[in-house]
């Protein structure tokens, strides 16, 4: 129960946007077979990125420069981040560090 509450708080914090809440677009990254699909993508600032776990195992998302860290999320659950800075976001699964991905955020 506590894990679900922490997950909800993290998701809420990650989805709060300042400037582009009404304009935001959403893209999905599917986690399946211990990989991110797509592993690399380019989005505009203000885009909502949603990782959806389609694997049989829990995963988490953590920025390699400590920008963010999600709690573990189970099959069918998701984690959302709104891209609010231009630049490259490199990330990995906190549970399986060999799983890596990147997001290039443009203006």
N, C-alpha and C. Protein backbone atom coordinates (compact mmCIF):
# COMPACT_ATOMS: atom_id res chain seq x y z
N UNK A 1 0.83 -1.20 0.00
CA UNK A 1 0.00 0.00 0.00
C UNK A 1 0.87 1.26 0.00
N UNK A 2 1.91 1.27 0.87
CA UNK A 2 2.78 2.44 0.94
C UNK A 2 3.49 2.66 -0.40
N UNK A 3 3.86 1.56 -1.08
CA UNK A 3 4.53 1.67 -2.36
C UNK A 3 3.62 2.32 -3.39
N UNK A 4 2.34 1.95 -3.39
CA UNK A 4 1.38 2.56 -4.34
C UNK A 4 1.17 4.04 -4.03
N UNK A 5 1.15 4.41 -2.76
CA UNK A 5 1.00 5.82 -2.39
C UNK A 5 2.21 6.61 -2.85
N UNK A 6 3.41 6.08 -2.63
CA UNK A 6 4.62 6.76 -3.08
C UNK A 6 4.65 6.86 -4.60
N UNK A 7 4.20 5.82 -5.29
CA UNK A 7 4.12 5.85 -6.74
C UNK A 7 3.19 6.97 -7.19
N UNK A 8 2.02 7.06 -6.58
CA UNK A 8 1.04 8.09 -6.95
C UNK A 8 1.59 9.49 -6.72
N UNK A 9 2.29 9.68 -5.62
CA UNK A 9 2.88 10.99 -5.31
C UNK A 9 3.94 11.34 -6.35
N UNK A 10 4.79 10.37 -6.70
CA UNK A 10 5.84 10.62 -7.68
C UNK A 10 5.24 10.94 -9.04
N UNK A 11 4.24 10.18 -9.45
CA UNK A 11 3.60 10.44 -10.74
C UNK A 11 2.95 11.82 -10.75
N UNK A 12 2.28 12.18 -9.67
CA UNK A 12 1.66 13.49 -9.59
C UNK A 12 2.71 14.58 -9.69
N UNK A 13 3.81 14.44 -8.97
CA UNK A 13 4.87 15.44 -9.02
C UNK A 13 5.49 15.52 -10.40
N UNK A 14 5.66 14.39 -11.06
CA UNK A 14 6.28 14.37 -12.38
C UNK A 14 5.36 14.93 -13.45
N UNK A 15 4.06 14.89 -13.23
CA UNK A 15 3.14 15.35 -14.28
C UNK A 15 2.72 16.80 -14.12
N UNK A 16 3.16 17.46 -13.09
CA UNK A 16 2.84 18.88 -12.93
C UNK A 16 3.73 19.69 -13.87
N UNK A 17 3.12 20.45 -14.71
CA UNK A 17 3.87 21.26 -15.67
C UNK A 17 3.61 22.73 -15.39
N UNK A 18 4.58 23.57 -15.73
CA UNK A 18 4.42 24.98 -15.47
C UNK A 18 3.91 25.75 -16.68
N UNK A 19 4.60 25.65 -17.82
CA UNK A 19 4.28 26.53 -18.93
C UNK A 19 3.36 25.95 -19.98
N UNK A 20 3.47 24.67 -20.28
CA UNK A 20 2.79 24.15 -21.46
C UNK A 20 1.73 23.10 -21.14
N UNK A 21 1.08 23.19 -20.01
CA UNK A 21 0.13 22.15 -19.61
C UNK A 21 -0.97 21.96 -20.65
N UNK A 22 -1.48 23.04 -21.20
CA UNK A 22 -2.57 22.91 -22.16
C UNK A 22 -2.08 22.44 -23.52
N UNK A 23 -0.80 22.74 -23.87
CA UNK A 23 -0.28 22.44 -25.18
C UNK A 23 0.43 21.09 -25.26
N UNK A 24 0.63 20.44 -24.15
CA UNK A 24 1.49 19.26 -24.15
C UNK A 24 0.95 18.13 -25.02
N UNK A 25 1.90 17.45 -25.67
CA UNK A 25 1.60 16.26 -26.45
C UNK A 25 2.11 15.08 -25.64
N UNK A 26 1.65 13.90 -25.95
CA UNK A 26 2.10 12.71 -25.23
C UNK A 26 2.73 11.72 -26.19
N UNK A 27 3.82 11.11 -25.74
CA UNK A 27 4.43 10.01 -26.47
C UNK A 27 4.61 8.87 -25.48
N UNK A 28 4.57 7.66 -25.99
CA UNK A 28 4.70 6.48 -25.13
C UNK A 28 5.99 5.74 -25.42
N UNK A 29 6.59 5.25 -24.35
CA UNK A 29 7.72 4.34 -24.44
C UNK A 29 7.25 3.05 -23.78
N UNK A 30 7.24 1.98 -24.54
CA UNK A 30 6.78 0.70 -24.03
C UNK A 30 7.98 -0.08 -23.51
N UNK A 31 7.83 -0.63 -22.32
CA UNK A 31 8.86 -1.49 -21.74
C UNK A 31 8.40 -2.92 -21.97
N UNK A 32 9.18 -3.64 -22.77
CA UNK A 32 8.82 -5.01 -23.10
C UNK A 32 10.09 -5.79 -23.43
N UNK A 33 10.15 -7.03 -22.96
CA UNK A 33 11.30 -7.91 -23.18
C UNK A 33 12.59 -7.26 -22.70
N UNK A 34 12.52 -6.64 -21.53
CA UNK A 34 13.67 -5.97 -20.91
C UNK A 34 14.32 -4.92 -21.81
N UNK A 35 13.49 -4.14 -22.51
CA UNK A 35 14.00 -3.08 -23.38
C UNK A 35 12.97 -1.96 -23.47
N UNK A 36 13.46 -0.76 -23.80
CA UNK A 36 12.60 0.39 -24.04
C UNK A 36 12.33 0.48 -25.54
N UNK A 37 11.06 0.68 -25.91
CA UNK A 37 10.66 0.78 -27.32
C UNK A 37 9.88 2.07 -27.53
N UNK A 38 10.43 3.11 -28.16
CA UNK A 38 11.77 3.18 -28.71
C UNK A 38 12.80 3.48 -27.62
N UNK A 39 14.05 3.12 -27.87
CA UNK A 39 15.12 3.36 -26.91
C UNK A 39 15.62 4.80 -27.00
N UNK A 40 15.44 5.43 -28.14
CA UNK A 40 15.85 6.83 -28.33
C UNK A 40 14.75 7.55 -29.09
N UNK A 41 14.46 8.77 -28.66
CA UNK A 41 13.47 9.57 -29.37
C UNK A 41 13.75 11.05 -29.18
N UNK A 42 13.16 11.85 -30.04
CA UNK A 42 13.27 13.30 -29.97
C UNK A 42 11.88 13.88 -29.80
N UNK A 43 11.74 14.80 -28.83
CA UNK A 43 10.45 15.44 -28.55
C UNK A 43 10.67 16.93 -28.34
N UNK A 44 9.59 17.68 -28.39
CA UNK A 44 9.66 19.11 -28.09
C UNK A 44 9.50 19.34 -26.59
N UNK A 45 10.05 20.43 -26.12
CA UNK A 45 9.89 20.83 -24.72
C UNK A 45 8.40 20.90 -24.40
N UNK A 46 8.02 20.37 -23.25
CA UNK A 46 6.63 20.36 -22.84
C UNK A 46 5.88 19.08 -23.18
N UNK A 47 6.57 18.15 -23.86
CA UNK A 47 5.94 16.88 -24.22
C UNK A 47 5.83 15.98 -23.00
N UNK A 48 4.71 15.31 -22.89
CA UNK A 48 4.50 14.32 -21.83
C UNK A 48 5.02 12.98 -22.34
N UNK A 49 5.98 12.39 -21.61
CA UNK A 49 6.53 11.08 -21.97
C UNK A 49 5.98 10.08 -20.95
N UNK A 50 5.38 9.01 -21.47
CA UNK A 50 4.76 7.99 -20.61
C UNK A 50 5.44 6.65 -20.88
N UNK A 51 6.08 6.10 -19.85
CA UNK A 51 6.64 4.75 -19.93
C UNK A 51 5.56 3.79 -19.45
N UNK A 52 5.25 2.76 -20.26
CA UNK A 52 4.24 1.77 -19.91
C UNK A 52 4.93 0.41 -19.79
N UNK A 53 4.74 -0.23 -18.65
CA UNK A 53 5.37 -1.52 -18.41
C UNK A 53 4.51 -2.64 -18.98
N UNK A 54 4.98 -3.26 -20.07
CA UNK A 54 4.31 -4.41 -20.68
C UNK A 54 5.10 -5.70 -20.40
N UNK A 55 6.08 -5.60 -19.52
CA UNK A 55 6.90 -6.74 -19.15
C UNK A 55 6.27 -7.47 -17.97
N UNK A 56 6.76 -8.66 -17.69
CA UNK A 56 6.26 -9.44 -16.56
C UNK A 56 6.95 -9.08 -15.26
N UNK A 57 7.88 -8.14 -15.31
CA UNK A 57 8.68 -7.78 -14.15
C UNK A 57 8.52 -6.31 -13.83
N UNK A 58 8.74 -5.92 -12.57
CA UNK A 58 8.71 -4.50 -12.23
C UNK A 58 9.91 -3.78 -12.83
N UNK A 59 9.72 -2.52 -13.14
CA UNK A 59 10.79 -1.66 -13.66
C UNK A 59 10.67 -0.31 -12.98
N UNK A 60 11.73 0.49 -13.09
CA UNK A 60 11.68 1.89 -12.66
C UNK A 60 12.50 2.69 -13.66
N UNK A 61 12.30 3.98 -13.66
CA UNK A 61 13.01 4.87 -14.57
C UNK A 61 13.82 5.85 -13.74
N UNK A 62 15.11 5.98 -14.05
CA UNK A 62 15.93 6.96 -13.34
C UNK A 62 16.82 7.69 -14.32
N UNK A 63 16.86 9.00 -14.17
CA UNK A 63 17.74 9.82 -14.98
C UNK A 63 19.19 9.57 -14.58
N UNK A 64 20.07 9.48 -15.56
CA UNK A 64 21.47 9.19 -15.25
C UNK A 64 22.19 10.37 -14.62
N UNK A 65 21.62 11.55 -14.74
CA UNK A 65 22.19 12.73 -14.07
C UNK A 65 21.35 13.10 -12.86
N UNK A 66 20.60 12.16 -12.33
CA UNK A 66 19.74 12.35 -11.15
C UNK A 66 18.65 13.39 -11.34
N UNK A 67 18.17 13.58 -12.58
CA UNK A 67 17.07 14.52 -12.80
C UNK A 67 15.78 14.01 -12.18
N UNK A 68 15.59 12.69 -12.17
CA UNK A 68 14.33 12.12 -11.67
C UNK A 68 14.54 10.65 -11.37
N UNK A 69 13.62 10.09 -10.62
CA UNK A 69 13.63 8.65 -10.31
C UNK A 69 12.21 8.23 -10.00
N UNK A 70 11.74 7.24 -10.72
CA UNK A 70 10.39 6.73 -10.45
C UNK A 70 10.47 5.61 -9.43
N UNK A 71 9.38 5.32 -8.79
CA UNK A 71 9.33 4.08 -7.99
C UNK A 71 9.22 2.89 -8.94
N UNK A 72 9.39 1.70 -8.43
CA UNK A 72 9.15 0.50 -9.24
C UNK A 72 7.69 0.49 -9.66
N UNK A 73 7.42 0.10 -10.92
CA UNK A 73 6.04 -0.05 -11.35
C UNK A 73 5.86 -1.39 -12.05
N UNK A 74 4.71 -1.98 -11.80
CA UNK A 74 4.40 -3.35 -12.20
C UNK A 74 3.82 -3.41 -13.62
N UNK A 75 3.57 -4.60 -14.10
CA UNK A 75 2.95 -4.84 -15.39
C UNK A 75 1.65 -4.05 -15.50
N UNK A 76 1.50 -3.31 -16.59
CA UNK A 76 0.29 -2.52 -16.81
C UNK A 76 0.32 -1.14 -16.20
N UNK A 77 1.27 -0.86 -15.32
CA UNK A 77 1.38 0.47 -14.71
C UNK A 77 2.29 1.35 -15.57
N UNK A 78 2.27 2.65 -15.28
CA UNK A 78 3.06 3.58 -16.08
C UNK A 78 3.69 4.65 -15.20
N UNK A 79 4.64 5.34 -15.79
CA UNK A 79 5.29 6.50 -15.16
C UNK A 79 5.30 7.62 -16.19
N UNK A 80 5.00 8.83 -15.75
CA UNK A 80 4.90 9.97 -16.66
C UNK A 80 5.87 11.08 -16.25
N UNK A 81 6.49 11.68 -17.27
CA UNK A 81 7.40 12.80 -17.06
C UNK A 81 7.08 13.85 -18.11
N UNK A 82 7.03 15.11 -17.72
CA UNK A 82 6.86 16.19 -18.68
C UNK A 82 8.23 16.82 -18.91
N UNK A 83 8.64 16.89 -20.17
CA UNK A 83 9.96 17.41 -20.51
C UNK A 83 9.93 18.93 -20.43
N UNK A 84 10.57 19.47 -19.41
CA UNK A 84 10.51 20.92 -19.22
C UNK A 84 11.83 21.63 -19.46
N UNK A 85 12.86 20.91 -19.91
CA UNK A 85 14.15 21.51 -20.22
C UNK A 85 14.65 20.99 -21.57
N UNK A 86 15.27 21.85 -22.34
CA UNK A 86 15.87 21.46 -23.61
C UNK A 86 17.19 20.75 -23.31
N UNK A 87 17.46 19.68 -24.04
CA UNK A 87 18.71 18.93 -23.88
C UNK A 87 18.45 17.44 -23.91
N UNK A 88 19.50 16.68 -23.62
CA UNK A 88 19.40 15.23 -23.68
C UNK A 88 19.13 14.67 -22.29
N UNK A 89 18.15 13.77 -22.21
CA UNK A 89 17.84 13.04 -20.99
C UNK A 89 18.25 11.59 -21.22
N UNK A 90 19.28 11.17 -20.53
CA UNK A 90 19.68 9.76 -20.58
C UNK A 90 19.10 9.10 -19.35
N UNK A 91 18.55 7.90 -19.54
CA UNK A 91 17.92 7.22 -18.41
C UNK A 91 18.18 5.73 -18.48
N UNK A 92 17.88 5.06 -17.40
CA UNK A 92 18.00 3.61 -17.33
C UNK A 92 16.93 3.08 -16.41
N UNK A 93 16.76 1.77 -16.43
CA UNK A 93 15.87 1.12 -15.47
C UNK A 93 16.64 1.00 -14.16
N UNK A 94 16.06 1.45 -13.07
CA UNK A 94 16.71 1.35 -11.78
C UNK A 94 16.81 -0.08 -11.28
N UNK A 95 15.92 -0.94 -11.74
CA UNK A 95 15.93 -2.35 -11.35
C UNK A 95 16.89 -3.15 -12.24
N UNK A 96 16.97 -2.77 -13.51
CA UNK A 96 17.80 -3.48 -14.50
C UNK A 96 18.68 -2.43 -15.21
N UNK A 97 19.82 -2.04 -14.62
CA UNK A 97 20.62 -0.94 -15.15
C UNK A 97 21.17 -1.13 -16.57
N UNK A 98 21.13 -2.34 -17.11
CA UNK A 98 21.58 -2.53 -18.48
C UNK A 98 20.54 -2.03 -19.49
N UNK A 99 19.31 -1.80 -19.03
CA UNK A 99 18.27 -1.22 -19.88
C UNK A 99 18.46 0.29 -19.91
N UNK A 100 18.80 0.83 -21.07
CA UNK A 100 19.08 2.27 -21.18
C UNK A 100 18.28 2.88 -22.32
N UNK A 101 18.03 4.19 -22.18
CA UNK A 101 17.34 4.93 -23.23
C UNK A 101 17.70 6.38 -23.16
N UNK A 102 17.25 7.15 -24.16
CA UNK A 102 17.52 8.59 -24.16
C UNK A 102 16.39 9.35 -24.86
N UNK A 103 16.23 10.57 -24.43
CA UNK A 103 15.24 11.48 -25.01
C UNK A 103 15.96 12.79 -25.32
N UNK A 104 15.91 13.22 -26.56
CA UNK A 104 16.45 14.52 -26.95
C UNK A 104 15.29 15.50 -26.94
N UNK A 105 15.38 16.53 -26.11
CA UNK A 105 14.32 17.53 -25.98
C UNK A 105 14.73 18.79 -26.71
N UNK A 106 13.93 19.18 -27.70
CA UNK A 106 14.21 20.37 -28.49
C UNK A 106 13.21 21.47 -28.15
N UNK A 107 13.51 22.66 -28.60
CA UNK A 107 12.64 23.80 -28.35
C UNK A 107 11.37 23.61 -29.11
